[in-house]
Amino acid sequence: MTTGTVSSRRRRADAPAPETPEQMKSSSYSLPPSLIARMRAAQWHTINRPDGHKNLSEMVRVLVDREVARLERKYNGGDPFPAVTRLPTGPSPDGAARGAELRALKRSRADQAENQPRKGSR
């Protein structure tokens, strides 16, 4: 293991997280309710295990850091990816396609309902 300081911006993916905590920033992400329930249950039922997490924030921080490090090793030689200052707004291409499919399905159902004979009318 090498010695010396490691900048949090240029930390190698296989290096441990910095010892001095960064200031936390609250973020919001959408997750399926079933995943949230499983995550809460897993954290609670393993809180006192050696690899358990003291709270959900710590659990998410550890797991996301692990996945980001894996992606950095796999796709960027272990170095952090260049910063992204602005993400595109709106849905991803997959999200836009799903939205279009859902709107088409809704229109189709509305058309079918409109063409159904109404009860009591002859």
N, C-alpha and C. Protein backbone atom coordinates (compact mmCIF):
# COMPACT_ATOMS: atom_id res chain seq x y z
N MET A 1 0.85 -1.17 0.00
CA MET A 1 0.00 0.00 0.00
C MET A 1 0.89 1.23 0.00
N THR A 2 0.52 2.22 -0.78
CA THR A 2 1.33 3.43 -0.85
C THR A 2 0.96 4.37 0.28
N THR A 3 1.89 5.27 0.59
CA THR A 3 1.64 6.25 1.62
C THR A 3 1.54 7.61 0.98
N GLY A 4 1.09 8.58 1.76
CA GLY A 4 0.94 9.93 1.25
C GLY A 4 -0.53 10.32 1.23
N THR A 5 -0.76 11.53 0.85
CA THR A 5 -2.14 12.00 0.84
C THR A 5 -2.80 11.63 -0.47
N VAL A 6 -4.08 11.39 -0.39
CA VAL A 6 -4.86 11.06 -1.57
C VAL A 6 -5.96 12.08 -1.70
N SER A 7 -5.97 12.82 -2.77
CA SER A 7 -7.02 13.81 -3.00
C SER A 7 -8.34 13.10 -3.22
N SER A 8 -9.41 13.59 -2.59
CA SER A 8 -10.72 12.94 -2.78
C SER A 8 -11.19 13.09 -4.22
N ARG A 9 -10.72 14.12 -4.93
CA ARG A 9 -11.12 14.27 -6.31
C ARG A 9 -10.36 13.33 -7.23
N ARG A 10 -9.17 12.94 -6.88
CA ARG A 10 -8.33 12.09 -7.73
C ARG A 10 -8.02 10.76 -7.06
N ARG A 11 -8.85 10.34 -6.11
CA ARG A 11 -8.64 9.09 -5.40
C ARG A 11 -8.75 7.92 -6.35
N ARG A 12 -7.81 7.00 -6.28
CA ARG A 12 -7.88 5.80 -7.10
C ARG A 12 -9.03 4.94 -6.59
N ALA A 13 -9.65 4.22 -7.48
CA ALA A 13 -10.83 3.42 -7.14
C ALA A 13 -10.53 2.37 -6.09
N ASP A 14 -9.29 1.86 -6.04
CA ASP A 14 -8.98 0.82 -5.06
C ASP A 14 -8.48 1.39 -3.73
N ALA A 15 -8.37 2.71 -3.63
CA ALA A 15 -7.93 3.34 -2.40
C ALA A 15 -9.12 3.47 -1.45
N PRO A 16 -8.86 3.41 -0.14
CA PRO A 16 -9.97 3.58 0.80
C PRO A 16 -10.51 5.00 0.75
N ALA A 17 -11.72 5.15 1.21
CA ALA A 17 -12.33 6.49 1.27
C ALA A 17 -11.49 7.37 2.19
N PRO A 18 -11.50 8.68 1.96
CA PRO A 18 -10.72 9.59 2.81
C PRO A 18 -11.15 9.45 4.27
N GLU A 19 -10.18 9.57 5.19
CA GLU A 19 -10.46 9.46 6.62
C GLU A 19 -11.24 10.66 7.13
N THR A 20 -10.95 11.84 6.61
CA THR A 20 -11.68 13.02 7.05
C THR A 20 -13.00 13.09 6.30
N PRO A 21 -14.12 13.14 7.02
CA PRO A 21 -15.41 13.11 6.34
C PRO A 21 -15.67 14.39 5.55
N GLU A 22 -16.22 14.19 4.39
CA GLU A 22 -16.65 15.33 3.60
C GLU A 22 -17.97 15.83 4.15
N GLN A 23 -18.29 17.06 3.84
CA GLN A 23 -19.60 17.57 4.22
C GLN A 23 -20.65 16.81 3.42
N MET A 24 -21.70 16.39 4.07
CA MET A 24 -22.75 15.61 3.40
C MET A 24 -23.69 16.53 2.64
N LYS A 25 -24.23 16.00 1.56
CA LYS A 25 -25.21 16.72 0.76
C LYS A 25 -26.40 15.78 0.57
N SER A 26 -27.56 16.26 0.89
CA SER A 26 -28.77 15.45 0.73
C SER A 26 -29.15 15.39 -0.74
N SER A 27 -29.51 14.19 -1.20
CA SER A 27 -29.95 13.99 -2.58
C SER A 27 -31.20 13.14 -2.56
N SER A 28 -31.97 13.24 -3.62
CA SER A 28 -33.20 12.47 -3.70
C SER A 28 -33.16 11.64 -4.97
N TYR A 29 -33.48 10.35 -4.83
CA TYR A 29 -33.50 9.44 -5.97
C TYR A 29 -34.76 8.60 -5.87
N SER A 30 -35.30 8.24 -6.99
CA SER A 30 -36.51 7.43 -7.02
C SER A 30 -36.13 5.95 -7.05
N LEU A 31 -36.74 5.20 -6.17
CA LEU A 31 -36.52 3.75 -6.09
C LEU A 31 -37.86 3.07 -5.96
N PRO A 32 -37.97 1.84 -6.46
CA PRO A 32 -39.23 1.11 -6.28
C PRO A 32 -39.50 0.87 -4.79
N PRO A 33 -40.75 0.97 -4.37
CA PRO A 33 -41.08 0.74 -2.95
C PRO A 33 -40.60 -0.61 -2.44
N SER A 34 -40.64 -1.63 -3.28
CA SER A 34 -40.19 -2.96 -2.82
C SER A 34 -38.69 -2.96 -2.51
N LEU A 35 -37.89 -2.23 -3.29
CA LEU A 35 -36.46 -2.14 -3.02
C LEU A 35 -36.20 -1.35 -1.74
N ILE A 36 -36.95 -0.28 -1.54
CA ILE A 36 -36.80 0.51 -0.31
C ILE A 36 -37.12 -0.36 0.90
N ALA A 37 -38.19 -1.14 0.82
CA ALA A 37 -38.56 -2.02 1.94
C ALA A 37 -37.48 -3.04 2.21
N ARG A 38 -36.93 -3.65 1.16
CA ARG A 38 -35.87 -4.65 1.34
C ARG A 38 -34.62 -4.01 1.93
N MET A 39 -34.28 -2.80 1.45
CA MET A 39 -33.10 -2.09 1.94
C MET A 39 -33.26 -1.77 3.43
N ARG A 40 -34.41 -1.25 3.82
CA ARG A 40 -34.65 -0.91 5.23
C ARG A 40 -34.57 -2.16 6.10
N ALA A 41 -35.19 -3.24 5.63
CA ALA A 41 -35.19 -4.49 6.40
C ALA A 41 -33.77 -5.04 6.53
N ALA A 42 -33.02 -5.04 5.44
CA ALA A 42 -31.65 -5.56 5.47
C ALA A 42 -30.78 -4.73 6.42
N GLN A 43 -30.91 -3.43 6.35
CA GLN A 43 -30.11 -2.57 7.24
C GLN A 43 -30.49 -2.84 8.69
N TRP A 44 -31.77 -2.88 9.00
CA TRP A 44 -32.21 -3.06 10.38
C TRP A 44 -31.80 -4.43 10.95
N HIS A 45 -31.99 -5.47 10.16
CA HIS A 45 -31.72 -6.81 10.67
C HIS A 45 -30.24 -7.19 10.69
N THR A 46 -29.39 -6.35 10.11
CA THR A 46 -27.95 -6.62 10.14
C THR A 46 -27.17 -5.51 10.84
N ILE A 47 -27.86 -4.62 11.52
CA ILE A 47 -27.23 -3.44 12.13
C ILE A 47 -26.08 -3.81 13.07
N ASN A 48 -26.19 -4.93 13.78
CA ASN A 48 -25.15 -5.32 14.74
C ASN A 48 -24.18 -6.35 14.18
N ARG A 49 -24.26 -6.64 12.91
CA ARG A 49 -23.32 -7.59 12.28
C ARG A 49 -22.05 -6.84 11.89
N PRO A 50 -20.94 -7.54 11.74
CA PRO A 50 -19.69 -6.87 11.37
C PRO A 50 -19.78 -6.09 10.06
N ASP A 51 -20.56 -6.59 9.12
CA ASP A 51 -20.68 -5.88 7.84
C ASP A 51 -22.00 -5.14 7.72
N GLY A 52 -22.69 -4.94 8.85
CA GLY A 52 -23.95 -4.19 8.86
C GLY A 52 -23.68 -2.69 8.79
N HIS A 53 -24.74 -1.93 8.68
CA HIS A 53 -24.64 -0.47 8.55
C HIS A 53 -25.47 0.17 9.65
N LYS A 54 -24.93 1.25 10.23
CA LYS A 54 -25.60 1.88 11.37
C LYS A 54 -26.87 2.63 10.98
N ASN A 55 -26.98 3.03 9.71
CA ASN A 55 -28.20 3.69 9.23
C ASN A 55 -28.27 3.57 7.71
N LEU A 56 -29.40 3.97 7.14
CA LEU A 56 -29.58 3.83 5.70
C LEU A 56 -28.62 4.71 4.91
N SER A 57 -28.35 5.91 5.41
CA SER A 57 -27.42 6.79 4.69
C SER A 57 -26.05 6.16 4.57
N GLU A 58 -25.56 5.57 5.65
CA GLU A 58 -24.26 4.91 5.60
C GLU A 58 -24.30 3.74 4.62
N MET A 59 -25.38 2.97 4.66
CA MET A 59 -25.52 1.81 3.77
C MET A 59 -25.46 2.25 2.31
N VAL A 60 -26.23 3.27 1.97
CA VAL A 60 -26.25 3.76 0.58
C VAL A 60 -24.89 4.31 0.20
N ARG A 61 -24.26 5.07 1.10
CA ARG A 61 -22.94 5.65 0.82
C ARG A 61 -21.91 4.56 0.53
N VAL A 62 -21.87 3.51 1.34
CA VAL A 62 -20.91 2.42 1.17
C VAL A 62 -21.18 1.67 -0.14
N LEU A 63 -22.43 1.34 -0.39
CA LEU A 63 -22.76 0.56 -1.58
C LEU A 63 -22.54 1.36 -2.87
N VAL A 64 -22.90 2.63 -2.86
CA VAL A 64 -22.68 3.46 -4.06
C VAL A 64 -21.18 3.65 -4.28
N ASP A 65 -20.43 3.89 -3.21
CA ASP A 65 -18.98 4.05 -3.36
C ASP A 65 -18.35 2.79 -3.95
N ARG A 66 -18.81 1.64 -3.49
CA ARG A 66 -18.28 0.36 -4.00
C ARG A 66 -18.58 0.21 -5.50
N GLU A 67 -19.80 0.56 -5.91
CA GLU A 67 -20.17 0.42 -7.32
C GLU A 67 -19.44 1.44 -8.19
N VAL A 68 -19.30 2.67 -7.70
CA VAL A 68 -18.57 3.69 -8.47
C VAL A 68 -17.12 3.26 -8.64
N ALA A 69 -16.51 2.74 -7.59
CA ALA A 69 -15.12 2.27 -7.67
C ALA A 69 -15.00 1.14 -8.69
N ARG A 70 -15.97 0.24 -8.72
CA ARG A 70 -15.96 -0.87 -9.68
C ARG A 70 -16.02 -0.33 -11.11
N LEU A 71 -16.90 0.63 -11.35
CA LEU A 71 -17.02 1.21 -12.70
C LEU A 71 -15.76 1.98 -13.08
N GLU A 72 -15.16 2.68 -12.12
CA GLU A 72 -13.91 3.39 -12.40
C GLU A 72 -12.79 2.41 -12.77
N ARG A 73 -12.70 1.29 -12.05
CA ARG A 73 -11.69 0.28 -12.38
C ARG A 73 -11.95 -0.31 -13.76
N LYS A 74 -13.19 -0.64 -14.03
CA LYS A 74 -13.53 -1.33 -15.27
C LYS A 74 -13.40 -0.43 -16.50
N TYR A 75 -13.82 0.82 -16.38
CA TYR A 75 -13.93 1.66 -17.58
C TYR A 75 -12.98 2.86 -17.60
N ASN A 76 -12.25 3.13 -16.50
CA ASN A 76 -11.42 4.33 -16.50
C ASN A 76 -10.07 4.10 -15.82
N GLY A 77 -9.55 2.87 -15.89
CA GLY A 77 -8.23 2.58 -15.35
C GLY A 77 -8.11 2.83 -13.85
N GLY A 78 -9.21 2.81 -13.13
CA GLY A 78 -9.18 3.01 -11.69
C GLY A 78 -9.22 4.46 -11.26
N ASP A 79 -9.18 5.37 -12.21
CA ASP A 79 -9.24 6.80 -11.89
C ASP A 79 -10.68 7.27 -11.88
N PRO A 80 -10.96 8.32 -11.10
CA PRO A 80 -12.30 8.90 -11.14
C PRO A 80 -12.61 9.41 -12.55
N PHE A 81 -13.85 9.32 -12.94
CA PHE A 81 -14.27 9.88 -14.22
C PHE A 81 -14.21 11.40 -14.14
N PRO A 82 -14.07 12.07 -15.28
CA PRO A 82 -14.12 13.54 -15.26
C PRO A 82 -15.47 14.00 -14.70
N ALA A 83 -15.43 15.12 -14.00
CA ALA A 83 -16.65 15.66 -13.39
C ALA A 83 -17.68 16.00 -14.46
N VAL A 84 -18.92 15.81 -14.11
CA VAL A 84 -20.03 16.20 -14.97
C VAL A 84 -20.69 17.38 -14.28
N THR A 85 -20.61 18.53 -14.90
CA THR A 85 -21.14 19.73 -14.24
C THR A 85 -22.63 19.90 -14.46
N ARG A 86 -23.13 19.37 -15.58
CA ARG A 86 -24.55 19.54 -15.86
C ARG A 86 -25.06 18.31 -16.59
N LEU A 87 -26.05 17.67 -16.01
CA LEU A 87 -26.67 16.52 -16.65
C LEU A 87 -27.81 16.99 -17.53
N PRO A 88 -28.09 16.27 -18.61
CA PRO A 88 -29.23 16.67 -19.43
C PRO A 88 -30.53 16.53 -18.64
N THR A 89 -31.46 17.43 -18.90
CA THR A 89 -32.75 17.35 -18.23
C THR A 89 -33.67 16.43 -18.99
N GLY A 90 -34.73 16.01 -18.34
CA GLY A 90 -35.71 15.15 -18.99
C GLY A 90 -35.34 13.69 -18.89
N PRO A 91 -36.17 12.86 -19.48
CA PRO A 91 -35.94 11.42 -19.38
C PRO A 91 -34.76 10.96 -20.23
N SER A 92 -34.21 9.82 -19.85
CA SER A 92 -33.18 9.18 -20.67
C SER A 92 -33.85 8.66 -21.94
N PRO A 93 -33.09 8.27 -22.95
CA PRO A 93 -33.71 7.70 -24.15
C PRO A 93 -34.62 6.51 -23.83
N ASP A 94 -34.18 5.64 -22.90
CA ASP A 94 -35.03 4.50 -22.51
C ASP A 94 -36.29 4.98 -21.82
N GLY A 95 -36.15 5.99 -20.95
CA GLY A 95 -37.31 6.54 -20.26
C GLY A 95 -38.30 7.19 -21.21
N ALA A 96 -37.79 7.89 -22.21
CA ALA A 96 -38.66 8.51 -23.21
C ALA A 96 -39.41 7.44 -24.00
N ALA A 97 -38.73 6.36 -24.35
CA ALA A 97 -39.38 5.27 -25.09
C ALA A 97 -40.45 4.61 -24.24
N ARG A 98 -40.15 4.38 -22.94
CA ARG A 98 -41.17 3.80 -22.04
C ARG A 98 -42.37 4.72 -21.93
N GLY A 99 -42.11 6.02 -21.80
CA GLY A 99 -43.20 6.99 -21.71
C GLY A 99 -44.07 6.98 -22.95
N ALA A 100 -43.44 6.90 -24.13
CA ALA A 100 -44.20 6.86 -25.39
C ALA A 100 -45.05 5.59 -25.46
N GLU A 101 -44.47 4.46 -25.01
CA GLU A 101 -45.24 3.20 -25.00
C GLU A 101 -46.44 3.30 -24.06
N LEU A 102 -46.24 3.88 -22.89
CA LEU A 102 -47.34 4.01 -21.93
C LEU A 102 -48.43 4.94 -22.46
N ARG A 103 -48.04 6.04 -23.10
CA ARG A 103 -49.04 6.95 -23.67
C ARG A 103 -49.81 6.28 -24.79
N ALA A 104 -49.13 5.49 -25.62
CA ALA A 104 -49.82 4.77 -26.71
C ALA A 104 -50.79 3.74 -26.13
N LEU A 105 -50.39 3.05 -25.09
CA LEU A 105 -51.27 2.07 -24.45
C LEU A 105 -52.49 2.77 -23.85
N LYS A 106 -52.28 3.90 -23.23
CA LYS A 106 -53.39 4.66 -22.64
C LYS A 106 -54.36 5.12 -23.73
N ARG A 107 -53.83 5.61 -24.85
CA ARG A 107 -54.70 6.02 -25.97
C ARG A 107 -55.48 4.84 -26.52
N SER A 108 -54.81 3.69 -26.65
CA SER A 108 -55.46 2.49 -27.16
C SER A 108 -56.61 2.06 -26.25
N ARG A 109 -56.37 2.09 -24.95
CA ARG A 109 -57.42 1.71 -23.99
C ARG A 109 -58.57 2.71 -24.04
N ALA A 110 -58.25 3.99 -24.17
CA ALA A 110 -59.30 5.00 -24.26
C ALA A 110 -60.13 4.80 -25.52
N ASP A 111 -59.47 4.48 -26.65
CA ASP A 111 -60.19 4.23 -27.90
C ASP A 111 -61.09 3.01 -27.77
N GLN A 112 -60.58 1.95 -27.13
CA GLN A 112 -61.38 0.74 -26.94
C GLN A 112 -62.60 1.03 -26.07
N ALA A 113 -62.41 1.80 -25.00
CA ALA A 113 -63.52 2.13 -24.11
C ALA A 113 -64.54 2.98 -24.83
N GLU A 114 -64.08 3.87 -25.71
CA GLU A 114 -64.99 4.75 -26.45
C GLU A 114 -65.82 3.96 -27.45
N ASN A 115 -65.25 2.89 -28.00
CA ASN A 115 -65.94 2.08 -29.00
C ASN A 115 -66.79 0.98 -28.39
N GLN A 116 -66.77 0.81 -27.09
CA GLN A 116 -67.59 -0.20 -26.42
C GLN A 116 -69.03 0.31 -26.36
N PRO A 117 -70.01 -0.56 -26.61
CA PRO A 117 -71.40 -0.12 -26.45
C PRO A 117 -71.67 0.17 -24.97
N ARG A 118 -72.41 1.22 -24.75
CA ARG A 118 -72.73 1.61 -23.37
C ARG A 118 -73.91 0.80 -22.89
N LYS A 119 -73.88 0.48 -21.61
CA LYS A 119 -74.99 -0.29 -21.01
C LYS A 119 -76.24 0.59 -21.00
N GLY A 120 -77.35 -0.04 -21.31
CA GLY A 120 -78.61 0.67 -21.27
C GLY A 120 -78.90 1.51 -22.51
N SER A 121 -77.99 1.53 -23.47
CA SER A 121 -78.28 2.31 -24.69
C SER A 121 -78.43 1.36 -25.87
N ARG A 122 -79.55 1.48 -26.55
CA ARG A 122 -79.83 0.67 -27.73
C ARG A 122 -80.44 1.49 -28.80
